[in-house]
Amino acid sequence: MRIHGATALVTGASRGFGRHLTEELIRRGAKVYATARRPELVDIPGAEVLSLDITDRDSIDAASRTADDVDLLVNNAASTDVASLMTGDRAAIRHMIDTHFFGTLDMIRAFAPVLAKNGGGAILNVLSLTAWTTVEANTALSAAKSAQWGLTNGVRLELAGQGTLVTALVAGLIGTATLRDAMKDTGLKFSAEVMNDPATLARLALDGVEAGEIEILDGLSVEAKAALAGPPRAFDLAAVATR
């Protein structure tokens, strides 16, 4: 798929990695619908801003009617909740599943006919290495991202017949303000070797889409996937911080 001349829709575009993806798409010559639950926070030059809450089916349907020229769907929106499966707030856990799994699924179901009409196109799902390993402080996220990875593999098979590429970006640590805020209380600091620069990662992700790749991994994600062949193990943030 060629990015130049494509029409993309990016969820969660108001900040963090979604903003970097949107800026890189525009730089490469794509038309971009930059969506967010609070569209007033999206201030990206050249983007067409849409209001979108991926946990609200009416909001998704409205976006699919407006953005009916999309041929690249980027599912980036994420929940920033933190919860333990055993002791965490059940509403927070449900919101994480609703966002990462059902929100992604509902977006794909709404936009699959749009992509088919426009020639097939592509879907980029922004995942996390927590799909393959567990972070002790946020076990609910690992469950939600594991479900999202399974979803990604499933819709890839189901949409192959209409010519839609489904790509997973599986990243470790992305150096956004969101992650830095989350890490403040831990006292941990990560080197540039293990912390992805978001602009660089955005370029890597879109290069992968253009190359037709189905999984795009960084170094930590390569390690996490390889470890699936052995016994389950937690992702040790402290050990990564000492690299």
Protein backbone atom coordinates (compact mmCIF):
# COMPACT_ATOMS: atom_id res chain seq x y z
CA MET A 1 0.00 0.00 0.00
CA ARG A 2 1.23 3.49 -0.84
CA ILE A 3 0.78 6.10 1.87
CA HIS A 4 1.12 9.02 -0.54
CA GLY A 5 -2.35 9.79 -1.84
CA ALA A 6 -4.06 7.49 0.68
CA THR A 7 -6.81 8.56 3.05
CA ALA A 8 -6.21 7.49 6.65
CA LEU A 9 -8.20 7.65 9.87
CA VAL A 10 -6.26 7.62 13.14
CA THR A 11 -7.93 7.02 16.49
CA GLY A 12 -6.54 8.63 19.62
CA ALA A 13 -4.81 11.35 17.63
CA SER A 14 -4.92 14.18 20.14
CA ARG A 15 -1.65 13.27 21.87
CA GLY A 16 1.11 10.73 22.27
CA PHE A 17 1.84 8.18 19.60
CA GLY A 18 -1.39 8.89 17.73
CA ARG A 19 -0.30 12.45 17.15
CA HIS A 20 3.07 11.29 15.78
CA LEU A 21 1.36 8.81 13.45
CA THR A 22 -0.94 11.54 12.17
CA GLU A 23 1.92 13.95 11.55
CA GLU A 24 3.94 11.29 9.72
CA LEU A 25 0.97 10.33 7.53
CA ILE A 26 0.49 13.97 6.55
CA ARG A 27 4.21 14.36 5.88
CA ARG A 28 4.00 11.40 3.50
CA GLY A 29 1.16 12.94 1.53
CA ALA A 30 -1.91 11.26 3.01
CA LYS A 31 -5.23 12.86 3.81
CA VAL A 32 -5.83 12.20 7.50
CA TYR A 33 -8.90 12.17 9.69
CA ALA A 34 -7.47 12.79 13.17
CA THR A 35 -10.01 11.56 15.70
CA ALA A 36 -10.36 11.90 19.45
CA ARG A 37 -12.98 11.85 22.19
CA ARG A 38 -12.11 15.52 22.72
CA PRO A 39 -11.55 16.83 19.19
CA GLU A 40 -10.85 20.34 20.49
CA LEU A 41 -7.49 19.02 21.69
CA VAL A 42 -6.36 18.03 18.17
CA ASP A 43 -4.24 20.86 16.76
CA ILE A 44 -2.33 19.13 13.95
CA PRO A 45 -1.89 21.28 10.82
CA GLY A 46 -3.34 19.64 7.74
CA ALA A 47 -5.51 17.11 9.62
CA GLU A 48 -9.28 16.88 9.30
CA VAL A 49 -10.54 16.56 12.87
CA LEU A 50 -13.42 14.25 13.83
CA SER A 51 -15.05 13.50 17.15
CA LEU A 52 -14.86 9.78 17.90
CA ASP A 53 -15.28 7.59 20.96
CA ILE A 54 -14.42 4.02 20.04
CA THR A 55 -16.49 2.66 22.94
CA ASP A 56 -19.63 4.28 21.50
CA ARG A 57 -21.19 2.51 18.51
CA ASP A 58 -23.18 5.58 17.44
CA SER A 59 -19.98 7.62 17.40
CA ILE A 60 -18.21 4.96 15.32
CA ASP A 61 -21.08 4.72 12.83
CA ALA A 62 -21.14 8.50 12.42
CA ALA A 63 -17.39 8.53 11.74
CA SER A 64 -17.68 5.75 9.16
CA ARG A 65 -20.36 7.71 7.30
CA THR A 66 -18.30 10.90 7.29
CA ALA A 67 -14.96 9.27 6.48
CA ASP A 68 -16.24 7.09 3.65
CA ASP A 69 -13.08 7.60 1.57
CA VAL A 70 -10.74 5.90 4.05
CA ASP A 71 -8.38 3.21 2.78
CA LEU A 72 -6.08 3.06 5.83
CA LEU A 73 -7.53 2.58 9.31
CA VAL A 74 -5.15 3.11 12.24
CA ASN A 75 -6.47 1.74 15.54
CA ASN A 76 -4.32 3.55 18.08
CA ALA A 77 -6.77 4.68 20.79
CA ALA A 78 -6.04 3.11 24.15
CA SER A 79 -7.21 3.11 27.73
CA THR A 80 -4.85 4.67 30.27
CA ASP A 81 -6.45 2.77 33.16
CA VAL A 82 -4.18 0.72 35.41
CA ALA A 83 -5.62 -2.29 37.23
CA SER A 84 -4.80 -5.62 38.79
CA LEU A 85 -7.04 -8.47 37.69
CA MET A 86 -7.46 -9.71 41.25
CA THR A 87 -7.82 -6.50 43.21
CA GLY A 88 -8.38 -3.75 40.63
CA ASP A 89 -11.55 -1.79 40.04
CA ARG A 90 -13.86 -3.94 37.92
CA ALA A 91 -15.15 -0.93 35.99
CA ALA A 92 -11.59 -0.02 35.00
CA ILE A 93 -10.91 -3.58 33.83
CA ARG A 94 -14.12 -3.61 31.79
CA HIS A 95 -13.20 -0.25 30.25
CA MET A 96 -9.83 -1.64 29.20
CA ILE A 97 -11.47 -4.60 27.48
CA ASP A 98 -14.13 -2.36 25.94
CA THR A 99 -11.43 -0.07 24.53
CA HIS A 100 -8.68 -2.41 23.39
CA PHE A 101 -10.82 -5.35 22.26
CA PHE A 102 -14.39 -4.29 21.55
CA GLY A 103 -13.47 -0.76 20.49
CA THR A 104 -10.93 -2.09 17.98
CA LEU A 105 -13.35 -4.75 16.77
CA ASP A 106 -16.22 -2.28 16.35
CA MET A 107 -13.98 0.09 14.39
CA ILE A 108 -12.92 -2.70 12.06
CA ARG A 109 -16.46 -3.96 11.57
CA ALA A 110 -17.67 -0.45 10.75
CA PHE A 111 -14.82 0.40 8.38
CA ALA A 112 -14.29 -2.97 6.67
CA PRO A 113 -17.04 -2.21 4.09
CA VAL A 114 -15.52 1.25 3.54
CA LEU A 115 -12.10 -0.29 2.91
CA ALA A 116 -13.59 -2.88 0.57
CA LYS A 117 -15.39 -0.18 -1.42
CA ASN A 118 -12.15 1.76 -1.74
CA GLY A 119 -10.07 -1.16 -2.99
CA GLY A 120 -9.17 -3.12 0.13
CA GLY A 121 -6.65 -0.87 1.82
CA ALA A 122 -5.05 -1.65 5.15
CA ILE A 123 -5.58 -1.68 8.90
CA LEU A 124 -2.81 -0.92 11.39
CA ASN A 125 -3.51 -2.02 14.96
CA VAL A 126 -1.21 -0.51 17.58
CA LEU A 127 -0.59 -3.26 20.13
CA SER A 128 1.96 -3.74 22.91
CA LEU A 129 4.43 -6.33 24.07
CA THR A 130 2.06 -6.77 27.03
CA ALA A 131 0.06 -8.95 24.63
CA TRP A 132 2.84 -11.52 25.09
CA THR A 133 4.02 -10.87 28.64
CA THR A 134 2.55 -9.62 31.89
CA VAL A 135 3.39 -6.43 33.76
CA GLU A 136 2.77 -7.16 37.43
CA ALA A 137 1.42 -3.70 38.21
CA ASN A 138 -1.10 -3.77 35.35
CA THR A 139 -2.18 -7.34 34.68
CA ALA A 140 -5.52 -6.18 33.25
CA LEU A 141 -3.72 -4.42 30.40
CA SER A 142 -1.93 -7.65 29.50
CA ALA A 143 -5.27 -9.46 29.30
CA ALA A 144 -6.79 -6.72 27.15
CA LYS A 145 -3.82 -6.55 24.79
CA SER A 146 -3.66 -10.35 24.47
CA ALA A 147 -7.29 -10.26 23.37
CA GLN A 148 -6.50 -7.49 20.89
CA TRP A 149 -3.66 -9.53 19.41
CA GLY A 150 -5.98 -12.51 18.94
CA LEU A 151 -8.53 -10.20 17.35
CA THR A 152 -5.89 -8.85 14.96
CA ASN A 153 -4.91 -12.35 13.81
CA GLY A 154 -8.55 -13.31 13.39
CA VAL A 155 -9.67 -10.34 11.29
CA ARG A 156 -6.53 -10.67 9.17
CA LEU A 157 -7.85 -14.04 7.98
CA GLU A 158 -11.42 -12.84 7.60
CA LEU A 159 -10.54 -9.71 5.59
CA ALA A 160 -7.93 -11.29 3.32
CA GLY A 161 -10.61 -12.08 0.76
CA GLN A 162 -11.45 -8.41 0.26
CA GLY A 163 -7.78 -7.52 -0.15
CA THR A 164 -7.34 -5.74 3.18
CA LEU A 165 -3.89 -5.93 4.79
CA VAL A 166 -4.05 -6.19 8.61
CA THR A 167 -0.82 -5.20 10.32
CA ALA A 168 0.08 -5.27 14.02
CA LEU A 169 2.59 -2.84 15.44
CA VAL A 170 3.79 -4.52 18.64
CA ALA A 171 5.93 -2.06 20.56
CA GLY A 172 7.62 -2.04 23.93
CA LEU A 173 8.21 1.31 25.61
CA ILE A 174 7.24 4.41 23.63
CA GLY A 175 8.74 7.67 24.87
CA THR A 176 5.55 9.69 25.13
CA ALA A 177 4.38 11.99 27.91
CA THR A 178 1.78 9.37 28.80
CA LEU A 179 4.44 6.77 29.57
CA ARG A 180 6.66 9.22 31.38
CA ASP A 181 3.79 10.26 33.61
CA ALA A 182 3.03 6.61 34.35
CA MET A 183 6.65 5.96 35.28
CA LYS A 184 7.02 8.90 37.68
CA ASP A 185 5.98 6.96 40.75
CA THR A 186 8.25 4.00 39.95
CA GLY A 187 11.48 5.96 40.01
CA LEU A 188 12.66 4.02 36.95
CA LYS A 189 14.49 5.64 34.04
CA PHE A 190 14.98 3.99 30.66
CA SER A 191 17.82 4.43 28.21
CA ALA A 192 17.37 5.49 24.60
CA GLU A 193 18.25 1.92 23.59
CA VAL A 194 15.05 0.52 25.11
CA MET A 195 12.74 3.55 24.84
CA ASN A 196 11.28 4.07 21.37
CA ASP A 197 11.32 7.59 19.99
CA PRO A 198 7.66 8.00 18.92
CA ALA A 199 8.45 9.81 15.67
CA THR A 200 10.92 7.11 14.66
CA LEU A 201 8.45 4.39 15.59
CA ALA A 202 5.74 6.08 13.51
CA ARG A 203 8.04 5.97 10.49
CA LEU A 204 8.84 2.30 11.16
CA ALA A 205 5.14 1.46 11.42
CA LEU A 206 4.18 3.16 8.16
CA ASP A 207 7.20 1.70 6.36
CA GLY A 208 5.93 -1.71 7.48
CA VAL A 209 2.44 -1.05 6.15
CA GLU A 210 3.85 0.04 2.79
CA ALA A 211 6.01 -3.10 2.71
CA GLY A 212 3.01 -5.34 3.39
CA GLU A 213 4.29 -6.63 6.73
CA ILE A 214 1.80 -8.28 9.08
CA GLU A 215 3.80 -7.72 12.29
CA ILE A 216 6.19 -4.89 13.09
CA LEU A 217 8.26 -5.41 16.24
CA ASP A 218 10.85 -3.48 18.20
CA GLY A 219 13.70 -5.11 20.13
CA LEU A 220 11.79 -5.71 23.37
CA SER A 221 8.83 -7.16 21.47
CA VAL A 222 11.10 -9.56 19.58
CA GLU A 223 12.32 -10.82 22.97
CA ALA A 224 8.78 -11.08 24.36
CA LYS A 225 7.50 -13.08 21.40
CA ALA A 226 10.49 -15.43 21.46
CA ALA A 227 9.83 -16.07 25.16
CA LEU A 228 6.39 -17.48 24.34
CA ALA A 229 8.14 -20.76 23.51
CA GLY A 230 9.08 -21.14 27.18
CA PRO A 231 7.23 -20.88 30.50
CA PRO A 232 5.15 -17.72 31.07
CA ARG A 233 7.09 -14.91 32.67
CA ALA A 234 6.47 -11.33 33.75
CA PHE A 235 7.96 -8.29 32.05
CA ASP A 236 10.52 -6.93 34.53
CA LEU A 237 10.55 -3.15 34.15
CA ALA A 238 13.36 -2.76 36.67
CA ALA A 239 15.60 -5.13 34.71
CA VAL A 240 14.93 -3.25 31.48
CA ALA A 241 15.72 0.05 33.19
CA THR A 242 19.25 -1.17 34.02
CA ARG A 243 20.16 -1.97 30.42
